[in-house]
Amino acid sequence: MSILEKIKIIARDLLGIDPDMITEDMRLVEDLGITDVQAYQLYAKAQEIFPGLTATLTEAKKLHTIGDVVELVRRKTGESY
């Protein structure tokens, strides 16, 4: 299962969004309506699924799209897309 597919499952579980509707260019706040609390929950769940995932506050603030999240996971964990 790819990083994107795993992120889609997290989004489905947290936000109730159909994973087939989620694309890498979707914006977290504007398109998905993610709140600060949901963003924290998404990150916490991602840490469970992707061992070794850590992000600084500066890195987290740069996450604007699903694609940004996928790229961060890829860089931090060494997993391929």
Protein backbone atom coordinates (compact mmCIF):
# COMPACT_ATOMS: atom_id res chain seq x y z
CA MET A 1 0.00 0.00 0.00
CA SER A 2 1.43 3.40 -0.98
CA ILE A 3 1.95 6.36 1.33
CA LEU A 4 -0.92 8.17 -0.39
CA GLU A 5 -3.27 5.22 0.10
CA LYS A 6 -2.39 5.08 3.81
CA ILE A 7 -2.95 8.85 4.20
CA LYS A 8 -6.31 8.48 2.45
CA ILE A 9 -7.34 5.82 4.98
CA ILE A 10 -6.36 8.10 7.86
CA ALA A 11 -8.41 10.93 6.31
CA ARG A 12 -11.36 8.59 5.85
CA ASP A 13 -11.23 7.47 9.46
CA LEU A 14 -10.81 10.98 10.90
CA LEU A 15 -12.93 13.03 8.53
CA GLY A 16 -15.38 10.56 7.01
CA ILE A 17 -14.19 11.40 3.49
CA ASP A 18 -14.39 8.86 0.67
CA PRO A 19 -10.74 7.95 -0.04
CA ASP A 20 -11.44 7.80 -3.77
CA MET A 21 -12.26 11.52 -3.69
CA ILE A 22 -8.91 12.52 -2.14
CA THR A 23 -6.11 13.71 -4.42
CA GLU A 24 -2.58 14.88 -3.69
CA ASP A 25 -3.39 18.45 -4.68
CA MET A 26 -6.27 18.77 -2.18
CA ARG A 27 -5.61 21.48 0.38
CA LEU A 28 -5.91 20.38 3.99
CA VAL A 29 -7.83 23.37 5.31
CA GLU A 30 -9.54 24.84 2.27
CA ASP A 31 -10.64 21.61 0.56
CA LEU A 32 -10.84 19.10 3.41
CA GLY A 33 -11.80 21.50 6.20
CA ILE A 34 -9.25 20.11 8.64
CA THR A 35 -9.23 21.88 12.01
CA ASP A 36 -6.17 22.24 14.24
CA VAL A 37 -7.40 19.36 16.40
CA GLN A 38 -7.96 17.14 13.37
CA ALA A 39 -4.51 18.04 12.02
CA TYR A 40 -3.00 16.90 15.31
CA GLN A 41 -5.04 13.68 15.19
CA LEU A 42 -3.95 13.06 11.59
CA TYR A 43 -0.31 13.51 12.58
CA ALA A 44 -0.66 11.23 15.63
CA LYS A 45 -2.26 8.49 13.53
CA ALA A 46 0.40 8.91 10.83
CA GLN A 47 3.09 8.41 13.48
CA GLU A 48 1.46 5.08 14.40
CA ILE A 49 1.39 3.92 10.78
CA PHE A 50 4.79 5.29 9.70
CA PRO A 51 7.49 4.41 12.26
CA GLY A 52 10.15 7.07 12.51
CA LEU A 53 7.88 9.91 11.40
CA THR A 54 8.70 13.13 13.21
CA ALA A 55 8.16 16.72 12.18
CA THR A 56 9.16 20.04 13.63
CA LEU A 57 6.62 22.81 14.04
CA THR A 58 8.27 24.60 11.11
CA GLU A 59 7.85 21.52 8.91
CA ALA A 60 4.25 21.05 10.02
CA LYS A 61 3.39 24.64 9.11
CA LYS A 62 4.54 23.94 5.54
CA LEU A 63 1.98 21.15 5.08
CA HIS A 64 -0.78 22.63 2.95
CA THR A 65 -1.84 19.72 0.74
CA ILE A 66 -2.19 15.94 0.91
CA GLY A 67 0.84 15.82 -1.40
CA ASP A 68 2.87 17.81 1.14
CA VAL A 69 2.00 15.21 3.78
CA VAL A 70 2.96 12.36 1.45
CA GLU A 71 6.31 14.02 0.66
CA LEU A 72 7.07 14.62 4.36
CA VAL A 73 6.36 10.98 5.17
CA ARG A 74 8.54 9.86 2.27
CA ARG A 75 11.45 12.07 3.33
CA LYS A 76 11.25 11.22 7.03
CA THR A 77 10.68 7.48 6.80
CA GLY A 78 12.43 6.56 3.57
CA GLU A 79 9.29 4.85 2.27
CA SER A 80 8.62 5.04 -1.44
CA TYR A 81 5.44 6.51 -2.87
